[in-house]
Amino acid sequence: MTIDEALRDAVKMIASVAERPRLEAEILMAEHLGKERIWLHTHGDQPLENIENFFQLIERRAKSEPIEYILGRVSFYDLELKVGPGVLIARPETELLVDKAAEVIRIHNLTRVAEIGVGSGAISIMLAKLFPMLEIIATDISKEALEYARYNVQVYGLEDRIRLQQADLLEGVEEPIEMVVSNPPYISEDYQLPAPLHYEPKGALVGGSSGDELLQRIISTVKQRAIPHLVCEMGYDQRQPITTYCQHLNLPEPIFYKDLAGLDRGFYLKLR
């Protein structure tokens, strides 16, 4: 079987689960061969070695396993981060959260930030790269997620500016914090998760019975600790519940931002 023939079979196998099956098949083929994708376009008539190993990758994808877990990495901005079962896969829309957080840091000249729910470290690492003077305390309740974050922080040589801590929200964090940034779980318990999400840790996805419970806890914590700024990602349908909760706490009205589909995706809260 040639490379082109194997790719055609692979595309058929993953067509029902992949939005761009040809692209994903080529990515997995390139991974299997240790080549760049462009190499495949000029060597498609060559016989494929270790066919079984390649189709094992394809079979995993055909079962809806995220391609990022199969590859063991995810791209985020210009970063390449190690990921795997036990840690949330960073999404493109979370780059918008980083953009908003960076805007607040820049405007207010912030130097100490906390991230709640660090996961793979994508947000903290990107902010640390953007702002060389920034110090970050990054927490996560999951020991497994922190292991991925620690690896990624070390790859980018940021151990001296990103402190990782296993904690629920900001428990045990005593230092004064100027801003909290977070992409917390915000899906409701009764939401039927698509098949690929069943591979990701439920605790990083589901935020409670209504989905916004953890967001409310974060807002309350930031108020109690008198932290001036909060930037959070949220669900597209949580604008009104978040607004109402802030009113309940006598806080300013949040400033919401939208994703590329025009849906509400996060908010900025200036507490003082």
C-alpha atoms as a PDB file:
ATOM      1  CA  MET A   1       0.000   0.000   0.000  1.00  0.00           C
ATOM      2  CA  THR A   2       1.311   3.439  -0.924  1.00  0.00           C
ATOM      3  CA  ILE A   3       1.140   6.553   1.228  1.00  0.00           C
ATOM      4  CA  ASP A   4      -1.615   8.003  -0.996  1.00  0.00           C
ATOM      5  CA  GLU A   5      -3.657   4.803  -0.807  1.00  0.00           C
ATOM      6  CA  ALA A   6      -3.326   4.679   2.957  1.00  0.00           C
ATOM      7  CA  LEU A   7      -4.400   8.314   3.219  1.00  0.00           C
ATOM      8  CA  ARG A   8      -7.506   7.648   1.114  1.00  0.00           C
ATOM      9  CA  ASP A   9      -8.501   4.767   3.382  1.00  0.00           C
ATOM     10  CA  ALA A  10      -7.766   6.854   6.483  1.00  0.00           C
ATOM     11  CA  VAL A  11      -9.959   9.718   5.269  1.00  0.00           C
ATOM     12  CA  LYS A  12     -12.904   7.319   4.879  1.00  0.00           C
ATOM     13  CA  MET A  13     -12.358   5.930   8.369  1.00  0.00           C
ATOM     14  CA  ILE A  14     -12.422   9.310  10.141  1.00  0.00           C
ATOM     15  CA  ALA A  15     -14.821  11.217   7.871  1.00  0.00           C
ATOM     16  CA  SER A  16     -17.695  10.928  10.345  1.00  0.00           C
ATOM     17  CA  VAL A  17     -15.763  12.362  13.307  1.00  0.00           C
ATOM     18  CA  ALA A  18     -13.314  14.858  11.774  1.00  0.00           C
ATOM     19  CA  GLU A  19     -14.300  18.263  10.391  1.00  0.00           C
ATOM     20  CA  ARG A  20     -11.325  18.140   8.012  1.00  0.00           C
ATOM     21  CA  PRO A  21     -10.568  14.438   7.590  1.00  0.00           C
ATOM     22  CA  ARG A  22      -7.943  14.832   4.851  1.00  0.00           C
ATOM     23  CA  LEU A  23      -5.989  17.334   6.921  1.00  0.00           C
ATOM     24  CA  GLU A  24      -6.141  15.167  10.039  1.00  0.00           C
ATOM     25  CA  ALA A  25      -5.163  12.058   8.092  1.00  0.00           C
ATOM     26  CA  GLU A  26      -2.129  13.894   6.706  1.00  0.00           C
ATOM     27  CA  ILE A  27      -1.187  15.191  10.158  1.00  0.00           C
ATOM     28  CA  LEU A  28      -1.281  11.669  11.567  1.00  0.00           C
ATOM     29  CA  MET A  29       0.607  10.295   8.570  1.00  0.00           C
ATOM     30  CA  ALA A  30       3.291  12.957   8.987  1.00  0.00           C
ATOM     31  CA  GLU A  31       3.512  12.078  12.685  1.00  0.00           C
ATOM     32  CA  HIS A  32       3.794   8.381  11.855  1.00  0.00           C
ATOM     33  CA  LEU A  33       6.579   8.939   9.324  1.00  0.00           C
ATOM     34  CA  GLY A  34       8.369  11.730  11.182  1.00  0.00           C
ATOM     35  CA  LYS A  35       8.025  13.988   8.136  1.00  0.00           C
ATOM     36  CA  GLU A  36       6.495  17.376   7.316  1.00  0.00           C
ATOM     37  CA  ARG A  37       3.060  17.328   5.682  1.00  0.00           C
ATOM     38  CA  ILE A  38       4.443  18.937   2.532  1.00  0.00           C
ATOM     39  CA  TRP A  39       6.726  15.900   2.090  1.00  0.00           C
ATOM     40  CA  LEU A  40       3.655  13.686   1.694  1.00  0.00           C
ATOM     41  CA  HIS A  41       2.513  15.642  -1.367  1.00  0.00           C
ATOM     42  CA  THR A  42       5.619  14.700  -3.318  1.00  0.00           C
ATOM     43  CA  HIS A  43       6.117  11.148  -2.030  1.00  0.00           C
ATOM     44  CA  GLY A  44       2.586   9.766  -2.123  1.00  0.00           C
ATOM     45  CA  ASP A  45       3.538   6.917  -4.480  1.00  0.00           C
ATOM     46  CA  GLN A  46       6.054   5.475  -2.028  1.00  0.00           C
ATOM     47  CA  PRO A  47       5.135   2.288  -0.113  1.00  0.00           C
ATOM     48  CA  LEU A  48       4.041   2.925   3.455  1.00  0.00           C
ATOM     49  CA  GLU A  49       6.137   1.263   6.127  1.00  0.00           C
ATOM     50  CA  ASN A  50       4.659  -0.022   9.389  1.00  0.00           C
ATOM     51  CA  ILE A  51       1.121   0.218   8.041  1.00  0.00           C
ATOM     52  CA  GLU A  52      -0.384  -1.284  11.204  1.00  0.00           C
ATOM     53  CA  ASN A  53       1.068   1.449  13.393  1.00  0.00           C
ATOM     54  CA  PHE A  54      -0.383   4.166  11.174  1.00  0.00           C
ATOM     55  CA  PHE A  55      -3.856   2.653  11.179  1.00  0.00           C
ATOM     56  CA  GLN A  56      -3.732   2.271  14.942  1.00  0.00           C
ATOM     57  CA  LEU A  57      -3.529   6.074  15.091  1.00  0.00           C
ATOM     58  CA  ILE A  58      -6.402   6.362  12.629  1.00  0.00           C
ATOM     59  CA  GLU A  59      -8.541   3.904  14.589  1.00  0.00           C
ATOM     60  CA  ARG A  60      -8.060   5.985  17.735  1.00  0.00           C
ATOM     61  CA  ARG A  61      -9.255   9.074  15.881  1.00  0.00           C
ATOM     62  CA  ALA A  62     -12.177   7.131  14.382  1.00  0.00           C
ATOM     63  CA  LYS A  63     -13.331   6.463  17.955  1.00  0.00           C
ATOM     64  CA  SER A  64     -13.487  10.267  18.502  1.00  0.00           C
ATOM     65  CA  GLU A  65     -10.307  10.510  20.554  1.00  0.00           C
ATOM     66  CA  PRO A  66      -9.062  14.105  20.135  1.00  0.00           C
ATOM     67  CA  ILE A  67      -6.182  14.349  17.693  1.00  0.00           C
ATOM     68  CA  GLU A  68      -4.286  16.427  20.277  1.00  0.00           C
ATOM     69  CA  TYR A  69      -4.241  13.437  22.644  1.00  0.00           C
ATOM     70  CA  ILE A  70      -3.082  11.135  19.854  1.00  0.00           C
ATOM     71  CA  LEU A  71      -0.245  13.534  19.013  1.00  0.00           C
ATOM     72  CA  GLY A  72       0.428  14.365  22.659  1.00  0.00           C
ATOM     73  CA  ARG A  73       0.527  18.079  21.958  1.00  0.00           C
ATOM     74  CA  VAL A  74      -1.597  21.113  21.103  1.00  0.00           C
ATOM     75  CA  SER A  75      -0.807  24.420  19.396  1.00  0.00           C
ATOM     76  CA  PHE A  76      -1.796  27.618  21.200  1.00  0.00           C
ATOM     77  CA  TYR A  77      -0.684  30.917  19.643  1.00  0.00           C
ATOM     78  CA  ASP A  78       2.909  30.070  18.708  1.00  0.00           C
ATOM     79  CA  LEU A  79       3.292  27.644  21.610  1.00  0.00           C
ATOM     80  CA  GLU A  80       3.408  23.879  21.403  1.00  0.00           C
ATOM     81  CA  LEU A  81       2.205  22.340  24.649  1.00  0.00           C
ATOM     82  CA  LYS A  82       2.260  18.787  25.910  1.00  0.00           C
ATOM     83  CA  VAL A  83      -1.240  17.428  26.599  1.00  0.00           C
ATOM     84  CA  GLY A  84      -2.837  14.074  27.261  1.00  0.00           C
ATOM     85  CA  PRO A  85      -5.631  12.380  29.197  1.00  0.00           C
ATOM     86  CA  GLY A  86      -6.175  14.238  32.455  1.00  0.00           C
ATOM     87  CA  VAL A  87      -5.715  17.773  31.150  1.00  0.00           C
ATOM     88  CA  LEU A  88      -8.016  20.045  29.154  1.00  0.00           C
ATOM     89  CA  ILE A  89      -7.045  20.748  25.549  1.00  0.00           C
ATOM     90  CA  ALA A  90      -6.529  24.497  25.042  1.00  0.00           C
ATOM     91  CA  ARG A  91      -9.010  25.857  22.474  1.00  0.00           C
ATOM     92  CA  PRO A  92      -8.529  28.661  19.945  1.00  0.00           C
ATOM     93  CA  GLU A  93     -11.246  30.747  21.657  1.00  0.00           C
ATOM     94  CA  THR A  94      -9.147  30.803  24.821  1.00  0.00           C
ATOM     95  CA  GLU A  95      -6.631  32.899  22.894  1.00  0.00           C
ATOM     96  CA  LEU A  96      -9.297  35.637  23.134  1.00  0.00           C
ATOM     97  CA  LEU A  97      -9.153  35.322  26.924  1.00  0.00           C
ATOM     98  CA  VAL A  98      -5.386  35.848  26.782  1.00  0.00           C
ATOM     99  CA  ASP A  99      -5.902  38.872  24.506  1.00  0.00           C
ATOM    100  CA  LYS A 100      -8.318  40.457  27.001  1.00  0.00           C
ATOM    101  CA  ALA A 101      -6.073  39.688  29.977  1.00  0.00           C
ATOM    102  CA  ALA A 102      -3.077  41.137  28.120  1.00  0.00           C
ATOM    103  CA  GLU A 103      -5.043  44.313  27.404  1.00  0.00           C
ATOM    104  CA  VAL A 104      -5.816  44.774  31.111  1.00  0.00           C
ATOM    105  CA  ILE A 105      -2.208  44.049  32.139  1.00  0.00           C
ATOM    106  CA  ARG A 106      -0.932  46.566  29.613  1.00  0.00           C
ATOM    107  CA  ILE A 107      -3.374  49.347  30.539  1.00  0.00           C
ATOM    108  CA  HIS A 108      -2.893  49.010  34.303  1.00  0.00           C
ATOM    109  CA  ASN A 109       0.799  48.008  34.340  1.00  0.00           C
ATOM    110  CA  LEU A 110       0.101  44.876  36.364  1.00  0.00           C
ATOM    111  CA  THR A 111       2.986  42.778  37.634  1.00  0.00           C
ATOM    112  CA  ARG A 112       1.367  39.986  39.692  1.00  0.00           C
ATOM    113  CA  VAL A 113      -1.429  37.802  38.338  1.00  0.00           C
ATOM    114  CA  ALA A 114      -3.060  34.578  39.455  1.00  0.00           C
ATOM    115  CA  GLU A 115      -4.558  31.970  37.149  1.00  0.00           C
ATOM    116  CA  ILE A 116      -7.252  29.694  38.537  1.00  0.00           C
ATOM    117  CA  GLY A 117      -7.350  26.333  36.761  1.00  0.00           C
ATOM    118  CA  VAL A 118      -3.992  26.371  34.976  1.00  0.00           C
ATOM    119  CA  GLY A 119      -4.526  23.085  33.089  1.00  0.00           C
ATOM    120  CA  SER A 120      -1.686  22.604  30.597  1.00  0.00           C
ATOM    121  CA  GLY A 121      -0.324  26.080  31.386  1.00  0.00           C
ATOM    122  CA  ALA A 122      -1.351  27.668  28.087  1.00  0.00           C
ATOM    123  CA  ILE A 123      -2.670  30.962  29.503  1.00  0.00           C
ATOM    124  CA  SER A 124       0.047  31.545  32.087  1.00  0.00           C
ATOM    125  CA  ILE A 125       2.871  30.643  29.720  1.00  0.00           C
ATOM    126  CA  MET A 126       1.590  32.938  26.992  1.00  0.00           C
ATOM    127  CA  LEU A 127       1.110  35.858  29.391  1.00  0.00           C
ATOM    128  CA  ALA A 128       4.579  35.325  30.845  1.00  0.00           C
ATOM    129  CA  LYS A 129       6.067  35.370  27.340  1.00  0.00           C
ATOM    130  CA  LEU A 130       4.185  38.569  26.482  1.00  0.00           C
ATOM    131  CA  PHE A 131       5.166  40.380  29.717  1.00  0.00           C
ATOM    132  CA  PRO A 132       8.740  39.697  30.900  1.00  0.00           C
ATOM    133  CA  MET A 133       8.154  41.490  34.236  1.00  0.00           C
ATOM    134  CA  LEU A 134       4.991  39.540  35.079  1.00  0.00           C
ATOM    135  CA  GLU A 135       4.890  37.108  38.002  1.00  0.00           C
ATOM    136  CA  ILE A 136       2.144  34.471  37.963  1.00  0.00           C
ATOM    137  CA  ILE A 137       0.740  32.156  40.598  1.00  0.00           C
ATOM    138  CA  ALA A 138      -1.135  29.383  38.813  1.00  0.00           C
ATOM    139  CA  THR A 139      -3.384  26.986  40.708  1.00  0.00           C
ATOM    140  CA  ASP A 140      -5.261  23.833  39.815  1.00  0.00           C
ATOM    141  CA  ILE A 141      -7.126  21.321  41.919  1.00  0.00           C
ATOM    142  CA  SER A 142      -5.890  18.489  39.668  1.00  0.00           C
ATOM    143  CA  LYS A 143      -2.474  17.022  40.415  1.00  0.00           C
ATOM    144  CA  GLU A 144      -2.407  15.422  36.965  1.00  0.00           C
ATOM    145  CA  ALA A 145      -3.049  18.729  35.202  1.00  0.00           C
ATOM    146  CA  LEU A 146      -0.282  20.365  37.236  1.00  0.00           C
ATOM    147  CA  GLU A 147       2.178  17.731  36.018  1.00  0.00           C
ATOM    148  CA  TYR A 148       1.480  18.759  32.417  1.00  0.00           C
ATOM    149  CA  ALA A 149       1.716  22.445  33.356  1.00  0.00           C
ATOM    150  CA  ARG A 150       5.016  21.900  35.139  1.00  0.00           C
ATOM    151  CA  TYR A 151       6.481  20.144  32.105  1.00  0.00           C
ATOM    152  CA  ASN A 152       5.348  22.921  29.741  1.00  0.00           C
ATOM    153  CA  VAL A 153       6.535  25.708  32.043  1.00  0.00           C
ATOM    154  CA  GLN A 154       9.968  24.072  32.176  1.00  0.00           C
ATOM    155  CA  VAL A 155      10.118  23.699  28.378  1.00  0.00           C
ATOM    156  CA  TYR A 156       9.747  27.476  28.062  1.00  0.00           C
ATOM    157  CA  GLY A 157      12.131  28.204  30.939  1.00  0.00           C
ATOM    158  CA  LEU A 158       9.556  30.084  33.020  1.00  0.00           C
ATOM    159  CA  GLU A 159       9.918  28.289  36.369  1.00  0.00           C
ATOM    160  CA  ASP A 160      11.195  31.488  38.001  1.00  0.00           C
ATOM    161  CA  ARG A 161       8.082  33.496  37.028  1.00  0.00           C
ATOM    162  CA  ILE A 162       5.236  30.961  37.098  1.00  0.00           C
ATOM    163  CA  ARG A 163       4.628  29.314  40.468  1.00  0.00           C
ATOM    164  CA  LEU A 164       2.391  26.265  40.284  1.00  0.00           C
ATOM    165  CA  GLN A 165       0.287  25.316  43.282  1.00  0.00           C
ATOM    166  CA  GLN A 166      -2.304  22.602  43.878  1.00  0.00           C
ATOM    167  CA  ALA A 167      -5.274  24.422  45.328  1.00  0.00           C
ATOM    168  CA  ASP A 168      -8.991  25.016  45.123  1.00  0.00           C
ATOM    169  CA  LEU A 169      -9.293  28.512  43.608  1.00  0.00           C
ATOM    170  CA  LEU A 170      -6.805  30.694  45.592  1.00  0.00           C
ATOM    171  CA  GLU A 171      -6.650  28.558  48.721  1.00  0.00           C
ATOM    172  CA  GLY A 172      -3.217  28.928  50.301  1.00  0.00           C
ATOM    173  CA  VAL A 173      -2.236  31.862  48.074  1.00  0.00           C
ATOM    174  CA  GLU A 174      -1.328  34.622  50.525  1.00  0.00           C
ATOM    175  CA  GLU A 175       0.406  37.133  48.270  1.00  0.00           C
ATOM    176  CA  PRO A 176      -1.412  40.260  47.065  1.00  0.00           C
ATOM    177  CA  ILE A 177      -2.843  39.682  43.582  1.00  0.00           C
ATOM    178  CA  GLU A 178      -3.652  42.378  41.036  1.00  0.00           C
ATOM    179  CA  MET A 179      -5.694  40.268  38.632  1.00  0.00           C
ATOM    180  CA  VAL A 180      -7.226  36.816  38.339  1.00  0.00           C
ATOM    181  CA  VAL A 181      -7.548  35.156  34.945  1.00  0.00           C
ATOM    182  CA  SER A 182      -9.432  31.908  34.509  1.00  0.00           C
ATOM    183  CA  ASN A 183     -10.942  29.511  32.007  1.00  0.00           C
ATOM    184  CA  PRO A 184     -12.949  27.482  34.534  1.00  0.00           C
ATOM    185  CA  PRO A 185     -15.401  24.634  33.955  1.00  0.00           C
ATOM    186  CA  TYR A 186     -18.682  26.226  32.852  1.00  0.00           C
ATOM    187  CA  ILE A 187     -20.746  23.459  31.199  1.00  0.00           C
ATOM    188  CA  SER A 188     -23.944  22.361  32.986  1.00  0.00           C
ATOM    189  CA  GLU A 189     -24.295  18.803  34.284  1.00  0.00           C
ATOM    190  CA  ASP A 190     -27.255  17.957  32.026  1.00  0.00           C
ATOM    191  CA  TYR A 191     -25.493  19.023  28.823  1.00  0.00           C
ATOM    192  CA  GLN A 192     -24.859  16.099  26.496  1.00  0.00           C
ATOM    193  CA  LEU A 193     -21.140  16.256  25.827  1.00  0.00           C
ATOM    194  CA  PRO A 194     -19.995  15.494  22.255  1.00  0.00           C
ATOM    195  CA  ALA A 195     -18.052  12.238  21.930  1.00  0.00           C
ATOM    196  CA  PRO A 196     -14.546  13.814  21.830  1.00  0.00           C
ATOM    197  CA  LEU A 197     -15.166  15.612  25.141  1.00  0.00           C
ATOM    198  CA  HIS A 198     -15.693  12.296  26.917  1.00  0.00           C
ATOM    199  CA  TYR A 199     -11.929  11.812  26.633  1.00  0.00           C
ATOM    200  CA  GLU A 200     -11.197  15.048  28.512  1.00  0.00           C
ATOM    201  CA  PRO A 201     -11.411  15.377  32.314  1.00  0.00           C
ATOM    202  CA  LYS A 202     -15.009  16.052  33.331  1.00  0.00           C
ATOM    203  CA  GLY A 203     -13.847  18.200  36.220  1.00  0.00           C
ATOM    204  CA  ALA A 204     -12.287  20.657  33.766  1.00  0.00           C
ATOM    205  CA  LEU A 205     -15.507  20.919  31.739  1.00  0.00           C
ATOM    206  CA  VAL A 206     -18.560  20.719  34.001  1.00  0.00           C
ATOM    207  CA  GLY A 207     -19.077  23.635  36.364  1.00  0.00           C
ATOM    208  CA  GLY A 208     -22.093  22.343  38.272  1.00  0.00           C
ATOM    209  CA  SER A 209     -25.811  21.756  37.836  1.00  0.00           C
ATOM    210  CA  SER A 210     -26.336  25.083  36.055  1.00  0.00           C
ATOM    211  CA  GLY A 211     -22.747  25.446  34.848  1.00  0.00           C
ATOM    212  CA  ASP A 212     -21.958  28.829  36.386  1.00  0.00           C
ATOM    213  CA  GLU A 213     -21.400  27.755  39.998  1.00  0.00           C
ATOM    214  CA  LEU A 214     -17.605  27.884  39.761  1.00  0.00           C
ATOM    215  CA  LEU A 215     -17.745  31.241  37.984  1.00  0.00           C
ATOM    216  CA  GLN A 216     -19.784  32.575  40.902  1.00  0.00           C
ATOM    217  CA  ARG A 217     -17.249  31.207  43.391  1.00  0.00           C
ATOM    218  CA  ILE A 218     -14.419  32.899  41.491  1.00  0.00           C
ATOM    219  CA  ILE A 219     -16.257  36.241  41.444  1.00  0.00           C
ATOM    220  CA  SER A 220     -16.976  35.961  45.181  1.00  0.00           C
ATOM    221  CA  THR A 221     -13.359  35.067  45.956  1.00  0.00           C
ATOM    222  CA  VAL A 222     -12.028  38.005  43.959  1.00  0.00           C
ATOM    223  CA  LYS A 223     -14.405  40.361  45.788  1.00  0.00           C
ATOM    224  CA  GLN A 224     -13.547  38.967  49.220  1.00  0.00           C
ATOM    225  CA  ARG A 225      -9.836  39.366  48.556  1.00  0.00           C
ATOM    226  CA  ALA A 226     -10.277  42.845  47.051  1.00  0.00           C
ATOM    227  CA  ILE A 227      -8.477  41.870  43.851  1.00  0.00           C
ATOM    228  CA  PRO A 228      -8.898  44.759  41.375  1.00  0.00           C
ATOM    229  CA  HIS A 229      -9.321  42.848  38.096  1.00  0.00           C
ATOM    230  CA  LEU A 230     -10.906  39.608  36.894  1.00  0.00           C
ATOM    231  CA  VAL A 231     -10.956  38.152  33.367  1.00  0.00           C
ATOM    232  CA  CYS A 232     -12.897  34.928  32.807  1.00  0.00           C
ATOM    233  CA  GLU A 233     -14.026  32.730  29.960  1.00  0.00           C
ATOM    234  CA  MET A 234     -17.654  31.569  30.184  1.00  0.00           C
ATOM    235  CA  GLY A 235     -20.441  29.822  28.291  1.00  0.00           C
ATOM    236  CA  TYR A 236     -22.223  31.618  25.448  1.00  0.00           C
ATOM    237  CA  ASP A 237     -25.527  31.608  27.428  1.00  0.00           C
ATOM    238  CA  GLN A 238     -24.199  32.845  30.786  1.00  0.00           C
ATOM    239  CA  ARG A 239     -24.188  36.592  30.242  1.00  0.00           C
ATOM    240  CA  GLN A 240     -27.414  37.217  32.161  1.00  0.00           C
ATOM    241  CA  PRO A 241     -26.652  34.917  35.115  1.00  0.00           C
ATOM    242  CA  ILE A 242     -23.204  36.502  35.521  1.00  0.00           C
ATOM    243  CA  THR A 243     -24.656  40.019  35.299  1.00  0.00           C
ATOM    244  CA  THR A 244     -27.321  39.172  37.870  1.00  0.00           C
ATOM    245  CA  TYR A 245     -24.781  37.648  40.242  1.00  0.00           C
ATOM    246  CA  CYS A 246     -22.547  40.719  40.039  1.00  0.00           C
ATOM    247  CA  GLN A 247     -25.570  42.911  40.800  1.00  0.00           C
ATOM    248  CA  HIS A 248     -26.349  40.670  43.783  1.00  0.00           C
ATOM    249  CA  LEU A 249     -22.840  41.336  45.121  1.00  0.00           C
ATOM    250  CA  ASN A 250     -23.097  45.084  44.375  1.00  0.00           C
ATOM    251  CA  LEU A 251     -20.276  44.841  41.864  1.00  0.00           C
ATOM    252  CA  PRO A 252     -19.857  46.859  38.668  1.00  0.00           C
ATOM    253  CA  GLU A 253     -21.427  45.448  35.518  1.00  0.00           C
ATOM    254  CA  PRO A 254     -19.022  43.097  33.714  1.00  0.00           C
ATOM    255  CA  ILE A 255     -17.716  43.980  30.271  1.00  0.00           C
ATOM    256  CA  PHE A 256     -18.390  41.026  27.982  1.00  0.00           C
ATOM    257  CA  TYR A 257     -16.418  40.022  24.906  1.00  0.00           C
ATOM    258  CA  LYS A 258     -17.465  37.806  22.010  1.00  0.00           C
ATOM    259  CA  ASP A 259     -15.801  34.931  20.160  1.00  0.00           C
ATOM    260  CA  LEU A 260     -15.259  34.739  16.419  1.00  0.00           C
ATOM    261  CA  ALA A 261     -18.788  33.338  15.978  1.00  0.00           C
ATOM    262  CA  GLY A 262     -20.241  36.447  17.604  1.00  0.00           C
ATOM    263  CA  LEU A 263     -21.237  34.613  20.808  1.00  0.00           C
ATOM    264  CA  ASP A 264     -20.559  35.861  24.324  1.00  0.00           C
ATOM    265  CA  ARG A 265     -17.425  34.029  25.441  1.00  0.00           C
ATOM    266  CA  GLY A 266     -16.025  35.865  28.447  1.00  0.00           C
ATOM    267  CA  PHE A 267     -16.037  38.935  30.648  1.00  0.00           C
ATOM    268  CA  TYR A 268     -13.821  41.493  32.349  1.00  0.00           C
ATOM    269  CA  LEU A 269     -14.756  42.736  35.796  1.00  0.00           C
ATOM    270  CA  LYS A 270     -13.057  45.831  37.230  1.00  0.00           C
ATOM    271  CA  LEU A 271     -13.696  45.771  40.934  1.00  0.00           C
ATOM    272  CA  ARG A 272     -11.796  48.929  41.852  1.00  0.00           C
END
